[in-house]
PDB file of all heavy atoms in Angstrom:
ATOM      1  N   TRP A   1      18.980   9.644   1.175  1.00  0.00           N
ATOM      2  CA  TRP A   1      19.758  10.979   1.305  1.00  0.00           C
ATOM      3  C   TRP A   1      20.908  11.034   0.436  1.00  0.00           C
ATOM      4  O   TRP A   1      21.777  10.206   0.478  1.00  0.00           O
ATOM      5  CB  TRP A   1      20.156  11.134   2.837  1.00  0.00           C
ATOM      6  CG  TRP A   1      18.959  11.051   3.748  1.00  0.00           C
ATOM      7  CD1 TRP A   1      18.462  10.140   4.545  1.00  0.00           C
ATOM      8  CD2 TRP A   1      18.139  12.271   4.030  1.00  0.00           C
ATOM      9  NE1 TRP A   1      17.377  10.590   5.203  1.00  0.00           N
ATOM     10  CE2 TRP A   1      17.106  11.845   4.906  1.00  0.00           C
ATOM     11  CE3 TRP A   1      18.120  13.587   3.461  1.00  0.00           C
ATOM     12  CZ2 TRP A   1      16.147  12.736   5.289  1.00  0.00           C
ATOM     13  CZ3 TRP A   1      17.114  14.446   3.929  1.00  0.00           C
ATOM     14  CH2 TRP A   1      16.156  14.042   4.785  1.00  0.00           C
ATOM     15  N   HIS A   2      20.884  12.100  -0.312  1.00  0.00           N
ATOM     16  CA  HIS A   2      21.844  12.367  -1.436  1.00  0.00           C
ATOM     17  C   HIS A   2      22.893  13.416  -0.898  1.00  0.00           C
ATOM     18  O   HIS A   2      24.019  13.411  -1.509  1.00  0.00           O
ATOM     19  CB  HIS A   2      21.256  12.757  -2.661  1.00  0.00           C
ATOM     20  CG  HIS A   2      20.629  11.599  -3.507  1.00  0.00           C
ATOM     21  ND1 HIS A   2      21.313  10.992  -4.458  1.00  0.00           N
ATOM     22  CD2 HIS A   2      19.426  11.071  -3.319  1.00  0.00           C
ATOM     23  CE1 HIS A   2      20.519  10.029  -4.847  1.00  0.00           C
ATOM     24  NE2 HIS A   2      19.224  10.119  -4.126  1.00  0.00           N
ATOM     25  N   TRP A   3      22.601  14.291  -0.030  1.00  0.00           N
ATOM     26  CA  TRP A   3      23.453  15.433   0.316  1.00  0.00           C
ATOM     27  C   TRP A   3      23.031  15.910   1.697  1.00  0.00           C
ATOM     28  O   TRP A   3      21.781  16.243   1.854  1.00  0.00           O
ATOM     29  CB  TRP A   3      23.596  16.481  -0.675  1.00  0.00           C
ATOM     30  CG  TRP A   3      24.856  17.440  -0.497  1.00  0.00           C
ATOM     31  CD1 TRP A   3      25.929  17.266   0.265  1.00  0.00           C
ATOM     32  CD2 TRP A   3      24.906  18.650  -1.239  1.00  0.00           C
ATOM     33  NE1 TRP A   3      26.682  18.310  -0.012  1.00  0.00           N
ATOM     34  CE2 TRP A   3      26.103  19.185  -0.874  1.00  0.00           C
ATOM     35  CE3 TRP A   3      24.058  19.278  -2.210  1.00  0.00           C
ATOM     36  CZ2 TRP A   3      26.592  20.409  -1.411  1.00  0.00           C
ATOM     37  CZ3 TRP A   3      24.557  20.505  -2.699  1.00  0.00           C
ATOM     38  CH2 TRP A   3      25.773  20.979  -2.347  1.00  0.00           C
ATOM     39  N   VAL A   4      23.836  16.104   2.639  1.00  0.00           N
ATOM     40  CA  VAL A   4      23.590  16.608   3.984  1.00  0.00           C
ATOM     41  C   VAL A   4      24.695  17.604   4.324  1.00  0.00           C
ATOM     42  O   VAL A   4      25.808  17.058   4.513  1.00  0.00           O
ATOM     43  CB  VAL A   4      23.381  15.491   5.001  1.00  0.00           C
ATOM     44  CG1 VAL A   4      23.073  16.154   6.410  1.00  0.00           C
ATOM     45  CG2 VAL A   4      22.259  14.430   4.760  1.00  0.00           C
ATOM     46  N   ALA A   5      24.410  18.812   4.407  1.00  0.00           N
ATOM     47  CA  ALA A   5      25.404  19.871   4.776  1.00  0.00           C
ATOM     48  C   ALA A   5      24.707  20.853   5.817  1.00  0.00           C
ATOM     49  O   ALA A   5      23.543  21.342   5.648  1.00  0.00           O
ATOM     50  CB  ALA A   5      25.729  20.674   3.481  1.00  0.00           C
ATOM     51  N   PHE A   6      25.485  21.001   6.904  1.00  0.00           N
ATOM     52  CA  PHE A   6      24.953  21.803   7.963  1.00  0.00           C
ATOM     53  C   PHE A   6      25.951  22.660   8.594  1.00  0.00           C
ATOM     54  O   PHE A   6      27.213  22.632   8.281  1.00  0.00           O
ATOM     55  CB  PHE A   6      24.166  21.014   9.012  1.00  0.00           C
ATOM     56  CG  PHE A   6      25.052  19.866   9.673  1.00  0.00           C
ATOM     57  CD1 PHE A   6      25.579  20.127  10.944  1.00  0.00           C
ATOM     58  CD2 PHE A   6      25.080  18.672   9.076  1.00  0.00           C
ATOM     59  CE1 PHE A   6      26.332  19.212  11.418  1.00  0.00           C
ATOM     60  CE2 PHE A   6      25.770  17.691   9.625  1.00  0.00           C
ATOM     61  CZ  PHE A   6      26.384  17.801  10.874  1.00  0.00           C
ATOM     62  N   ASN A   7      25.580  23.515   9.400  1.00  0.00           N
ATOM     63  CA  ASN A   7      26.511  24.583  10.051  1.00  0.00           C
ATOM     64  C   ASN A   7      27.003  25.581   9.019  1.00  0.00           C
ATOM     65  O   ASN A   7      28.093  25.979   8.996  1.00  0.00           O
ATOM     66  CB  ASN A   7      27.551  23.964  10.942  1.00  0.00           C
ATOM     67  CG  ASN A   7      27.037  23.167  12.020  1.00  0.00           C
ATOM     68  OD1 ASN A   7      25.912  23.323  12.499  1.00  0.00           O
ATOM     69  ND2 ASN A   7      27.892  22.476  12.649  1.00  0.00           N
ATOM     70  N   ILE A   8      26.298  25.825   7.979  1.00  0.00           N
ATOM     71  CA  ILE A   8      26.564  26.760   6.899  1.00  0.00           C
ATOM     72  C   ILE A   8      26.355  28.150   7.596  1.00  0.00           C
ATOM     73  O   ILE A   8      25.347  28.439   8.073  1.00  0.00           O
ATOM     74  CB  ILE A   8      25.674  26.648   5.704  1.00  0.00           C
ATOM     75  CG1 ILE A   8      25.723  25.204   5.139  1.00  0.00           C
ATOM     76  CG2 ILE A   8      25.972  27.674   4.605  1.00  0.00           C
ATOM     77  CD1 ILE A   8      24.669  24.822   4.047  1.00  0.00           C
ATOM     78  N   PRO A   9      27.397  29.057   7.509  1.00  0.00           N
ATOM     79  CA  PRO A   9      27.316  30.275   8.267  1.00  0.00           C
ATOM     80  C   PRO A   9      26.164  31.169   7.743  1.00  0.00           C
ATOM     81  O   PRO A   9      25.837  31.169   6.610  1.00  0.00           O
ATOM     82  CB  PRO A   9      28.746  30.922   7.833  1.00  0.00           C
ATOM     83  CG  PRO A   9      29.620  29.761   7.645  1.00  0.00           C
ATOM     84  CD  PRO A   9      28.732  28.751   6.999  1.00  0.00           C
ATOM     85  N   ALA A  10      25.655  31.851   8.718  1.00  0.00           N
ATOM     86  CA  ALA A  10      24.550  32.819   8.363  1.00  0.00           C
ATOM     87  C   ALA A  10      24.770  33.826   7.338  1.00  0.00           C
ATOM     88  O   ALA A  10      23.824  34.190   6.561  1.00  0.00           O
ATOM     89  CB  ALA A  10      24.058  33.452   9.757  1.00  0.00           C
ATOM     90  N   ALA A  11      26.022  34.262   7.188  1.00  0.00           N
ATOM     91  CA  ALA A  11      26.413  35.210   6.226  1.00  0.00           C
ATOM     92  C   ALA A  11      26.383  34.636   4.655  1.00  0.00           C
ATOM     93  O   ALA A  11      26.462  35.383   3.771  1.00  0.00           O
ATOM     94  CB  ALA A  11      27.674  35.886   6.463  1.00  0.00           C
ATOM     95  N   THR A  12      26.487  33.282   4.635  1.00  0.00           N
ATOM     96  CA  THR A  12      26.490  32.667   3.436  1.00  0.00           C
ATOM     97  C   THR A  12      25.221  32.807   2.569  1.00  0.00           C
ATOM     98  O   THR A  12      24.056  32.589   3.152  1.00  0.00           O
ATOM     99  CB  THR A  12      26.922  31.145   3.511  1.00  0.00           C
ATOM    100  OG1 THR A  12      27.987  31.064   4.305  1.00  0.00           O
ATOM    101  CG2 THR A  12      26.990  30.397   2.215  1.00  0.00           C
ATOM    102  N   ARG A  13      25.344  33.093   1.241  1.00  0.00           N
ATOM    103  CA  ARG A  13      24.109  33.195   0.413  1.00  0.00           C
ATOM    104  C   ARG A  13      24.267  32.414  -0.802  1.00  0.00           C
ATOM    105  O   ARG A  13      23.327  32.373  -1.736  1.00  0.00           O
ATOM    106  CB  ARG A  13      23.952  34.686  -0.004  1.00  0.00           C
ATOM    107  CG  ARG A  13      23.564  35.658   1.144  1.00  0.00           C
ATOM    108  CD  ARG A  13      22.111  35.259   1.745  1.00  0.00           C
ATOM    109  NE  ARG A  13      21.799  36.024   2.912  1.00  0.00           N
ATOM    110  CZ  ARG A  13      22.123  35.939   4.146  1.00  0.00           C
ATOM    111  NH1 ARG A  13      22.744  34.891   4.556  1.00  0.00           N
ATOM    112  NH2 ARG A  13      21.742  36.771   5.064  1.00  0.00           N
ATOM    113  N   ALA A  14      25.313  31.656  -0.934  1.00  0.00           N
ATOM    114  CA  ALA A  14      25.427  30.756  -2.078  1.00  0.00           C
ATOM    115  C   ALA A  14      26.450  29.663  -1.909  1.00  0.00           C
ATOM    116  O   ALA A  14      27.327  29.799  -1.042  1.00  0.00           O
ATOM    117  CB  ALA A  14      25.860  31.467  -3.268  1.00  0.00           C
ATOM    118  N   LEU A  15      26.212  28.467  -2.636  1.00  0.00           N
ATOM    119  CA  LEU A  15      27.140  27.353  -2.656  1.00  0.00           C
ATOM    120  C   LEU A  15      27.459  27.341  -4.150  1.00  0.00           C
ATOM    121  O   LEU A  15      26.752  27.249  -4.954  1.00  0.00           O
ATOM    122  CB  LEU A  15      26.682  26.125  -2.112  1.00  0.00           C
ATOM    123  CG  LEU A  15      26.375  26.166  -0.673  1.00  0.00           C
ATOM    124  CD1 LEU A  15      25.633  24.823  -0.229  1.00  0.00           C
ATOM    125  CD2 LEU A  15      27.582  26.419   0.301  1.00  0.00           C
ATOM    126  N   ALA A  16      28.791  27.105  -4.428  1.00  0.00           N
ATOM    127  CA  ALA A  16      29.313  27.067  -5.843  1.00  0.00           C
ATOM    128  C   ALA A  16      28.866  25.662  -6.326  1.00  0.00           C
ATOM    129  O   ALA A  16      28.976  24.750  -5.552  1.00  0.00           O
ATOM    130  CB  ALA A  16      30.775  27.265  -5.951  1.00  0.00           C
ATOM    131  N   ALA A  17      28.890  25.487  -7.685  1.00  0.00           N
ATOM    132  CA  ALA A  17      28.771  24.044  -8.186  1.00  0.00           C
ATOM    133  C   ALA A  17      29.976  23.282  -7.687  1.00  0.00           C
ATOM    134  O   ALA A  17      31.095  23.926  -7.774  1.00  0.00           O
ATOM    135  CB  ALA A  17      28.723  24.179  -9.802  1.00  0.00           C
ATOM    136  N   GLY A  18      29.722  22.060  -7.354  1.00  0.00           N
ATOM    137  CA  GLY A  18      30.888  21.246  -7.008  1.00  0.00           C
ATOM    138  C   GLY A  18      31.218  21.416  -5.452  1.00  0.00           C
ATOM    139  O   GLY A  18      32.107  20.673  -4.899  1.00  0.00           O
ATOM    140  N   ALA A  19      30.491  22.219  -4.809  1.00  0.00           N
ATOM    141  CA  ALA A  19      30.767  22.362  -3.324  1.00  0.00           C
ATOM    142  C   ALA A  19      30.483  21.076  -2.555  1.00  0.00           C
ATOM    143  O   ALA A  19      31.200  20.922  -1.377  1.00  0.00           O
ATOM    144  CB  ALA A  19      29.853  23.465  -2.659  1.00  0.00           C
ATOM    145  N   GLY A  20      29.657  20.171  -3.049  1.00  0.00           N
ATOM    146  CA  GLY A  20      29.643  18.911  -2.390  1.00  0.00           C
ATOM    147  C   GLY A  20      30.725  17.812  -2.547  1.00  0.00           C
ATOM    148  O   GLY A  20      30.549  16.862  -1.892  1.00  0.00           O
ATOM    149  N   THR A  21      31.685  18.233  -3.218  1.00  0.00           N
ATOM    150  CA  THR A  21      32.873  17.305  -3.438  1.00  0.00           C
ATOM    151  C   THR A  21      33.753  17.775  -2.315  1.00  0.00           C
ATOM    152  O   THR A  21      34.437  18.898  -2.389  1.00  0.00           O
ATOM    153  CB  THR A  21      33.474  17.590  -4.799  1.00  0.00           C
ATOM    154  OG1 THR A  21      32.566  17.252  -5.829  1.00  0.00           O
ATOM    155  CG2 THR A  21      34.626  16.632  -4.914  1.00  0.00           C
ATOM    156  N   ILE A  22      33.997  16.988  -1.286  1.00  0.00           N
ATOM    157  CA  ILE A  22      34.742  17.330  -0.149  1.00  0.00           C
ATOM    158  C   ILE A  22      36.192  17.723  -0.468  1.00  0.00           C
ATOM    159  O   ILE A  22      36.730  18.727  -0.092  1.00  0.00           O
ATOM    160  CB  ILE A  22      34.887  16.167   0.801  1.00  0.00           C
ATOM    161  CG1 ILE A  22      33.322  15.693   1.330  1.00  0.00           C
ATOM    162  CG2 ILE A  22      35.732  16.276   2.001  1.00  0.00           C
ATOM    163  CD1 ILE A  22      32.821  16.227   2.530  1.00  0.00           C
ATOM    164  N   SER A  23      36.759  16.880  -1.396  1.00  0.00           N
ATOM    165  CA  SER A  23      38.146  17.254  -1.753  1.00  0.00           C
ATOM    166  C   SER A  23      38.396  18.528  -2.520  1.00  0.00           C
ATOM    167  O   SER A  23      39.398  19.138  -2.617  1.00  0.00           O
ATOM    168  CB  SER A  23      38.727  16.152  -2.668  1.00  0.00           C
ATOM    169  OG  SER A  23      38.115  15.991  -3.825  1.00  0.00           O
ATOM    170  N   ALA A  24      37.287  19.171  -2.992  1.00  0.00           N
ATOM    171  CA  ALA A  24      37.332  20.461  -3.773  1.00  0.00           C
ATOM    172  C   ALA A  24      37.611  21.534  -2.820  1.00  0.00           C
ATOM    173  O   ALA A  24      38.263  22.555  -3.149  1.00  0.00           O
ATOM    174  CB  ALA A  24      36.122  20.805  -4.577  1.00  0.00           C
ATOM    175  N   GLY A  25      37.221  21.528  -1.529  1.00  0.00           N
ATOM    176  CA  GLY A  25      37.566  22.342  -0.463  1.00  0.00           C
ATOM    177  C   GLY A  25      36.800  23.743  -0.763  1.00  0.00           C
ATOM    178  O   GLY A  25      37.380  24.833  -0.346  1.00  0.00           O
ATOM    179  N   VAL A  26      35.697  23.752  -1.432  1.00  0.00           N
ATOM    180  CA  VAL A  26      35.082  25.007  -1.630  1.00  0.00           C
ATOM    181  C   VAL A  26      33.890  25.407  -0.766  1.00  0.00           C
ATOM    182  O   VAL A  26      33.338  26.459  -0.846  1.00  0.00           O
ATOM    183  CB  VAL A  26      34.472  25.156  -3.134  1.00  0.00           C
ATOM    184  CG1 VAL A  26      35.702  25.056  -4.086  1.00  0.00           C
ATOM    185  CG2 VAL A  26      33.534  24.066  -3.412  1.00  0.00           C
ATOM    186  N   MET A  27      33.578  24.611   0.150  1.00  0.00           N
ATOM    187  CA  MET A  27      32.565  24.907   1.107  1.00  0.00           C
ATOM    188  C   MET A  27      33.035  26.005   2.067  1.00  0.00           C
ATOM    189  O   MET A  27      34.270  26.041   2.436  1.00  0.00           O
ATOM    190  CB  MET A  27      32.161  23.675   1.978  1.00  0.00           C
ATOM    191  CG  MET A  27      31.135  22.803   1.434  1.00  0.00           C
ATOM    192  SD  MET A  27      29.479  23.635   1.466  1.00  0.00           S
ATOM    193  CE  MET A  27      28.514  22.233   1.089  1.00  0.00           C
ATOM    194  N   PRO A  28      32.286  26.810   2.499  1.00  0.00           N
ATOM    195  CA  PRO A  28      32.606  27.853   3.588  1.00  0.00           C
ATOM    196  C   PRO A  28      33.148  27.215   4.900  1.00  0.00           C
ATOM    197  O   PRO A  28      32.725  25.915   5.231  1.00  0.00           O
ATOM    198  CB  PRO A  28      31.328  28.552   3.922  1.00  0.00           C
ATOM    199  CG  PRO A  28      30.431  28.446   2.765  1.00  0.00           C
ATOM    200  CD  PRO A  28      30.811  26.953   2.190  1.00  0.00           C
ATOM    201  N   GLU A  29      34.025  27.799   5.481  1.00  0.00           N
ATOM    202  CA  GLU A  29      34.672  27.249   6.747  1.00  0.00           C
ATOM    203  C   GLU A  29      33.687  26.907   7.714  1.00  0.00           C
ATOM    204  O   GLU A  29      32.711  27.676   7.978  1.00  0.00           O
ATOM    205  CB  GLU A  29      35.741  28.159   7.269  1.00  0.00           C
ATOM    206  CG  GLU A  29      36.531  27.583   8.324  1.00  0.00           C
ATOM    207  CD  GLU A  29      37.654  28.652   8.753  1.00  0.00           C
ATOM    208  OE1 GLU A  29      38.035  29.428   8.073  1.00  0.00           O
ATOM    209  OE2 GLU A  29      37.999  28.438   9.987  1.00  0.00           O
ATOM    210  N   GLY A  30      33.746  25.717   8.313  1.00  0.00           N
ATOM    211  CA  GLY A  30      32.878  25.324   9.401  1.00  0.00           C
ATOM    212  C   GLY A  30      31.735  24.513   8.962  1.00  0.00           C
ATOM    213  O   GLY A  30      31.037  23.779   9.812  1.00  0.00           O
ATOM    214  N   VAL A  31      31.534  24.402   7.681  1.00  0.00           N
ATOM    215  CA  VAL A  31      30.442  23.522   7.241  1.00  0.00           C
ATOM    216  C   VAL A  31      30.681  22.020   7.341  1.00  0.00           C
ATOM    217  O   VAL A  31      31.849  21.654   7.123  1.00  0.00           O
ATOM    218  CB  VAL A  31      30.142  23.796   5.694  1.00  0.00           C
ATOM    219  CG1 VAL A  31      29.038  22.826   5.178  1.00  0.00           C
ATOM    220  CG2 VAL A  31      29.613  25.226   5.560  1.00  0.00           C
ATOM    221  N   VAL A  32      29.759  21.380   7.910  1.00  0.00           N
ATOM    222  CA  VAL A  32      29.886  19.898   7.881  1.00  0.00           C
ATOM    223  C   VAL A  32      29.077  19.212   6.909  1.00  0.00           C
ATOM    224  O   VAL A  32      27.886  19.458   6.690  1.00  0.00           O
ATOM    225  CB  VAL A  32      29.423  19.431   9.442  1.00  0.00           C
ATOM    226  CG1 VAL A  32      29.503  17.868   9.477  1.00  0.00           C
ATOM    227  CG2 VAL A  32      30.176  20.013  10.516  1.00  0.00           C
ATOM    228  N   GLN A  33      29.647  18.319   6.132  1.00  0.00           N
ATOM    229  CA  GLN A  33      28.971  17.513   5.245  1.00  0.00           C
ATOM    230  C   GLN A  33      28.830  16.119   5.742  1.00  0.00           C
ATOM    231  O   GLN A  33      29.907  15.450   6.048  1.00  0.00           O
ATOM    232  CB  GLN A  33      29.644  17.474   3.820  1.00  0.00           C
ATOM    233  CG  GLN A  33      29.701  18.883   3.216  1.00  0.00           C
ATOM    234  CD  GLN A  33      30.111  18.823   1.723  1.00  0.00           C
ATOM    235  OE1 GLN A  33      29.355  18.189   0.883  1.00  0.00           O
ATOM    236  NE2 GLN A  33      31.185  19.329   1.419  1.00  0.00           N
ATOM    237  N   GLY A  34      27.557  15.804   6.048  1.00  0.00           N
ATOM    238  CA  GLY A  34      27.396  14.536   6.769  1.00  0.00           C
ATOM    239  C   GLY A  34      27.277  13.358   5.811  1.00  0.00           C
ATOM    240  O   GLY A  34      27.251  13.483   4.638  1.00  0.00           O
ATOM    241  N   ARG A  35      27.024  12.177   6.420  1.00  0.00           N
ATOM    242  CA  ARG A  35      27.043  10.957   5.740  1.00  0.00           C
ATOM    243  C   ARG A  35      25.741  10.701   4.962  1.00  0.00           C
ATOM    244  O   ARG A  35      24.737  11.070   5.545  1.00  0.00           O
ATOM    245  CB  ARG A  35      27.262   9.831   6.796  1.00  0.00           C
ATOM    246  CG  ARG A  35      27.426   8.462   6.252  1.00  0.00           C
ATOM    247  CD  ARG A  35      27.757   7.582   7.372  1.00  0.00           C
ATOM    248  NE  ARG A  35      27.137   7.797   8.709  1.00  0.00           N
ATOM    249  CZ  ARG A  35      26.167   7.087   9.139  1.00  0.00           C
ATOM    250  NH1 ARG A  35      25.574   6.124   8.436  1.00  0.00           N
ATOM    251  NH2 ARG A  35      25.515   7.319  10.340  1.00  0.00           N
ATOM    252  N   THR A  36      25.877  10.446   3.700  1.00  0.00           N
ATOM    253  CA  THR A  36      24.596  10.178   2.951  1.00  0.00           C
ATOM    254  C   THR A  36      24.375   8.674   2.907  1.00  0.00           C
ATOM    255  O   THR A  36      25.037   7.846   3.454  1.00  0.00           O
ATOM    256  CB  THR A  36      24.874  10.692   1.584  1.00  0.00           C
ATOM    257  OG1 THR A  36      25.777   9.824   0.986  1.00  0.00           O
ATOM    258  CG2 THR A  36      25.371  12.126   1.405  1.00  0.00           C
ATOM    259  N   ASP A  37      23.227   8.254   2.117  1.00  0.00           N
ATOM    260  CA  ASP A  37      22.941   6.890   2.071  1.00  0.00           C
ATOM    261  C   ASP A  37      23.960   6.061   1.102  1.00  0.00           C
ATOM    262  O   ASP A  37      23.893   4.951   0.994  1.00  0.00           O
ATOM    263  CB  ASP A  37      21.499   6.674   1.657  1.00  0.00           C
ATOM    264  CG  ASP A  37      20.492   7.004   2.739  1.00  0.00           C
ATOM    265  OD1 ASP A  37      21.003   6.803   3.985  1.00  0.00           O
ATOM    266  OD2 ASP A  37      19.326   7.366   2.612  1.00  0.00           O
ATOM    267  N   PHE A  38      24.851   6.796   0.455  1.00  0.00           N
ATOM    268  CA  PHE A  38      25.928   6.220  -0.231  1.00  0.00           C
ATOM    269  C   PHE A  38      26.985   5.646   0.684  1.00  0.00           C
ATOM    270  O   PHE A  38      27.862   4.959   0.222  1.00  0.00           O
ATOM    271  CB  PHE A  38      26.549   7.201  -1.342  1.00  0.00           C
ATOM    272  CG  PHE A  38      25.625   7.408  -2.390  1.00  0.00           C
ATOM    273  CD1 PHE A  38      24.959   8.643  -2.616  1.00  0.00           C
ATOM    274  CD2 PHE A  38      25.353   6.450  -3.383  1.00  0.00           C
ATOM    275  CE1 PHE A  38      24.070   8.941  -3.700  1.00  0.00           C
ATOM    276  CE2 PHE A  38      24.514   6.737  -4.632  1.00  0.00           C
ATOM    277  CZ  PHE A  38      23.984   7.956  -4.654  1.00  0.00           C
ATOM    278  N   GLY A  39      26.906   6.182   2.028  1.00  0.00           N
ATOM    279  CA  GLY A  39      27.819   5.648   3.020  1.00  0.00           C
ATOM    280  C   GLY A  39      28.984   6.588   3.156  1.00  0.00           C
ATOM    281  O   GLY A  39      29.932   6.425   3.926  1.00  0.00           O
TER     282      GLY A  39
END
């Protein structure tokens, strides 16, 4: 598992490049990025 993101709001239609970097803070509010197999 390389990326797990859930609770992405229904009105969302895109994720920006780099949204998977937690510290970037670009995910829509409320999205949970779960633990991957990288730990």
